[in-house]
Amino acid sequence: MMPHTSLLTALTVASAAAMSACGEKPQALGTQNDAPAYSGVTNAFVAPGWQAGDKNSWEQHLRARGQYGMNDHSRAP
Protein backbone atom coordinates (compact mmCIF):
# COMPACT_ATOMS: atom_id res chain seq x y z
CA MET A 1 0.00 0.00 0.00
CA MET A 2 2.93 2.33 0.59
CA PRO A 3 4.06 2.61 -3.08
CA HIS A 4 0.56 3.76 -4.05
CA THR A 5 0.62 6.74 -1.66
CA SER A 6 4.11 7.81 -2.74
CA LEU A 7 2.99 7.70 -6.38
CA LEU A 8 -0.08 9.75 -5.54
CA THR A 9 2.07 12.26 -3.64
CA ALA A 10 4.53 12.52 -6.54
CA LEU A 11 1.69 13.11 -9.03
CA THR A 12 0.16 15.74 -6.76
CA VAL A 13 3.47 17.59 -6.42
CA ALA A 14 4.12 17.38 -10.17
CA SER A 15 0.68 18.70 -11.08
CA ALA A 16 0.96 21.53 -8.55
CA ALA A 17 4.33 22.51 -10.02
CA ALA A 18 2.93 22.41 -13.55
CA MET A 19 -0.08 24.53 -12.63
CA SER A 20 1.93 27.13 -10.73
CA ALA A 21 3.48 28.37 -13.97
CA CYS A 22 0.05 29.10 -15.47
CA GLY A 23 -0.62 32.06 -13.20
CA GLU A 24 2.63 33.94 -13.86
CA LYS A 25 2.17 37.50 -15.03
CA PRO A 26 4.49 38.95 -17.70
CA GLN A 27 7.41 40.82 -16.19
CA ALA A 28 7.79 43.46 -18.88
CA LEU A 29 8.17 47.13 -18.11
CA GLY A 30 5.34 49.50 -18.94
CA THR A 31 7.38 51.40 -21.52
CA GLN A 32 10.30 50.44 -23.69
CA ASN A 33 13.00 52.77 -24.86
CA ASP A 34 14.33 51.65 -28.22
CA ALA A 35 16.66 54.62 -28.53
CA PRO A 36 20.38 53.85 -28.70
CA ALA A 37 22.40 54.39 -25.52
CA TYR A 38 24.43 57.25 -26.96
CA SER A 39 21.30 59.32 -27.62
CA GLY A 40 21.10 60.04 -23.84
CA VAL A 41 20.03 63.22 -22.13
CA THR A 42 22.01 66.22 -21.02
CA ASN A 43 21.94 66.88 -17.30
CA ALA A 44 24.34 67.53 -14.42
CA PHE A 45 25.54 63.91 -14.35
CA VAL A 46 26.87 63.77 -17.92
CA ALA A 47 30.66 63.49 -18.34
CA PRO A 48 32.28 66.68 -19.57
CA GLY A 49 32.99 66.64 -23.29
CA TRP A 50 30.20 64.25 -24.20
CA GLN A 51 27.44 65.44 -26.51
CA ALA A 52 24.09 63.70 -26.57
CA GLY A 53 23.51 61.89 -29.85
CA ASP A 54 27.20 61.73 -30.83
CA LYS A 55 28.04 58.04 -31.22
CA ASN A 56 31.76 58.63 -31.75
CA SER A 57 32.09 60.66 -28.56
CA TRP A 58 30.10 58.00 -26.65
CA GLU A 59 32.43 55.24 -27.83
CA GLN A 60 35.55 57.26 -26.97
CA HIS A 61 34.30 57.91 -23.43
CA LEU A 62 33.46 54.22 -22.91
CA ARG A 63 36.88 53.19 -24.19
CA ALA A 64 38.65 55.70 -21.92
CA ARG A 65 36.60 54.67 -18.89
CA GLY A 66 37.42 51.03 -19.53
CA GLN A 67 41.13 51.78 -19.74
CA TYR A 68 41.55 54.17 -16.83
CA GLY A 69 38.96 53.00 -14.36
CA MET A 70 38.48 49.29 -14.80
CA ASN A 71 41.67 47.90 -16.35
CA ASP A 72 43.67 46.23 -13.56
CA HIS A 73 46.68 45.69 -15.82
CA SER A 74 47.19 49.42 -16.36
CA ARG A 75 46.72 50.18 -12.63
CA ALA A 76 49.18 47.56 -11.35
CA PRO A 77 52.51 48.94 -10.02
C-alpha atoms as a PDB file:
ATOM      1  CA  MET A   1       0.000   0.000   0.000  1.00  0.00           C
ATOM      2  CA  MET A   2       2.929   2.331   0.589  1.00  0.00           C
ATOM      3  CA  PRO A   3       4.060   2.609  -3.080  1.00  0.00           C
ATOM      4  CA  HIS A   4       0.560   3.761  -4.050  1.00  0.00           C
ATOM      5  CA  THR A   5       0.617   6.736  -1.665  1.00  0.00           C
ATOM      6  CA  SER A   6       4.111   7.812  -2.744  1.00  0.00           C
ATOM      7  CA  LEU A   7       2.989   7.701  -6.384  1.00  0.00           C
ATOM      8  CA  LEU A   8      -0.080   9.754  -5.539  1.00  0.00           C
ATOM      9  CA  THR A   9       2.065  12.256  -3.644  1.00  0.00           C
ATOM     10  CA  ALA A  10       4.526  12.523  -6.544  1.00  0.00           C
ATOM     11  CA  LEU A  11       1.692  13.114  -9.025  1.00  0.00           C
ATOM     12  CA  THR A  12       0.157  15.742  -6.763  1.00  0.00           C
ATOM     13  CA  VAL A  13       3.467  17.594  -6.422  1.00  0.00           C
ATOM     14  CA  ALA A  14       4.124  17.376 -10.172  1.00  0.00           C
ATOM     15  CA  SER A  15       0.676  18.696 -11.079  1.00  0.00           C
ATOM     16  CA  ALA A  16       0.960  21.527  -8.551  1.00  0.00           C
ATOM     17  CA  ALA A  17       4.331  22.514 -10.019  1.00  0.00           C
ATOM     18  CA  ALA A  18       2.933  22.411 -13.547  1.00  0.00           C
ATOM     19  CA  MET A  19      -0.078  24.525 -12.635  1.00  0.00           C
ATOM     20  CA  SER A  20       1.935  27.129 -10.730  1.00  0.00           C
ATOM     21  CA  ALA A  21       3.480  28.372 -13.974  1.00  0.00           C
ATOM     22  CA  CYS A  22       0.051  29.101 -15.468  1.00  0.00           C
ATOM     23  CA  GLY A  23      -0.618  32.062 -13.203  1.00  0.00           C
ATOM     24  CA  GLU A  24       2.629  33.940 -13.855  1.00  0.00           C
ATOM     25  CA  LYS A  25       2.174  37.502 -15.030  1.00  0.00           C
ATOM     26  CA  PRO A  26       4.488  38.950 -17.704  1.00  0.00           C
ATOM     27  CA  GLN A  27       7.407  40.825 -16.186  1.00  0.00           C
ATOM     28  CA  ALA A  28       7.787  43.462 -18.883  1.00  0.00           C
ATOM     29  CA  LEU A  29       8.168  47.133 -18.109  1.00  0.00           C
ATOM     30  CA  GLY A  30       5.341  49.497 -18.941  1.00  0.00           C
ATOM     31  CA  THR A  31       7.378  51.398 -21.517  1.00  0.00           C
ATOM     32  CA  GLN A  32      10.304  50.439 -23.689  1.00  0.00           C
ATOM     33  CA  ASN A  33      12.999  52.773 -24.857  1.00  0.00           C
ATOM     34  CA  ASP A  34      14.330  51.654 -28.218  1.00  0.00           C
ATOM     35  CA  ALA A  35      16.663  54.617 -28.535  1.00  0.00           C
ATOM     36  CA  PRO A  36      20.384  53.853 -28.703  1.00  0.00           C
ATOM     37  CA  ALA A  37      22.396  54.394 -25.516  1.00  0.00           C
ATOM     38  CA  TYR A  38      24.429  57.245 -26.964  1.00  0.00           C
ATOM     39  CA  SER A  39      21.305  59.320 -27.622  1.00  0.00           C
ATOM     40  CA  GLY A  40      21.099  60.043 -23.840  1.00  0.00           C
ATOM     41  CA  VAL A  41      20.027  63.220 -22.126  1.00  0.00           C
ATOM     42  CA  THR A  42      22.009  66.224 -21.021  1.00  0.00           C
ATOM     43  CA  ASN A  43      21.943  66.878 -17.297  1.00  0.00           C
ATOM     44  CA  ALA A  44      24.339  67.529 -14.423  1.00  0.00           C
ATOM     45  CA  PHE A  45      25.539  63.914 -14.351  1.00  0.00           C
ATOM     46  CA  VAL A  46      26.872  63.773 -17.921  1.00  0.00           C
ATOM     47  CA  ALA A  47      30.656  63.486 -18.337  1.00  0.00           C
ATOM     48  CA  PRO A  48      32.285  66.682 -19.571  1.00  0.00           C
ATOM     49  CA  GLY A  49      32.986  66.642 -23.291  1.00  0.00           C
ATOM     50  CA  TRP A  50      30.202  64.248 -24.202  1.00  0.00           C
ATOM     51  CA  GLN A  51      27.438  65.438 -26.514  1.00  0.00           C
ATOM     52  CA  ALA A  52      24.088  63.695 -26.565  1.00  0.00           C
ATOM     53  CA  GLY A  53      23.506  61.893 -29.854  1.00  0.00           C
ATOM     54  CA  ASP A  54      27.204  61.735 -30.831  1.00  0.00           C
ATOM     55  CA  LYS A  55      28.041  58.043 -31.222  1.00  0.00           C
ATOM     56  CA  ASN A  56      31.763  58.625 -31.746  1.00  0.00           C
ATOM     57  CA  SER A  57      32.091  60.664 -28.557  1.00  0.00           C
ATOM     58  CA  TRP A  58      30.104  57.998 -26.652  1.00  0.00           C
ATOM     59  CA  GLU A  59      32.435  55.238 -27.827  1.00  0.00           C
ATOM     60  CA  GLN A  60      35.546  57.264 -26.970  1.00  0.00           C
ATOM     61  CA  HIS A  61      34.302  57.909 -23.431  1.00  0.00           C
ATOM     62  CA  LEU A  62      33.464  54.223 -22.912  1.00  0.00           C
ATOM     63  CA  ARG A  63      36.884  53.185 -24.185  1.00  0.00           C
ATOM     64  CA  ALA A  64      38.651  55.698 -21.917  1.00  0.00           C
ATOM     65  CA  ARG A  65      36.597  54.665 -18.885  1.00  0.00           C
ATOM     66  CA  GLY A  66      37.416  51.034 -19.534  1.00  0.00           C
ATOM     67  CA  GLN A  67      41.129  51.775 -19.739  1.00  0.00           C
ATOM     68  CA  TYR A  68      41.546  54.174 -16.830  1.00  0.00           C
ATOM     69  CA  GLY A  69      38.957  52.999 -14.359  1.00  0.00           C
ATOM     70  CA  MET A  70      38.484  49.289 -14.804  1.00  0.00           C
ATOM     71  CA  ASN A  71      41.675  47.896 -16.353  1.00  0.00           C
ATOM     72  CA  ASP A  72      43.670  46.229 -13.560  1.00  0.00           C
ATOM     73  CA  HIS A  73      46.682  45.689 -15.818  1.00  0.00           C
ATOM     74  CA  SER A  74      47.191  49.416 -16.358  1.00  0.00           C
ATOM     75  CA  ARG A  75      46.725  50.181 -12.634  1.00  0.00           C
ATOM     76  CA  ALA A  76      49.185  47.564 -11.354  1.00  0.00           C
ATOM     77  CA  PRO A  77      52.514  48.938 -10.024  1.00  0.00           C
END
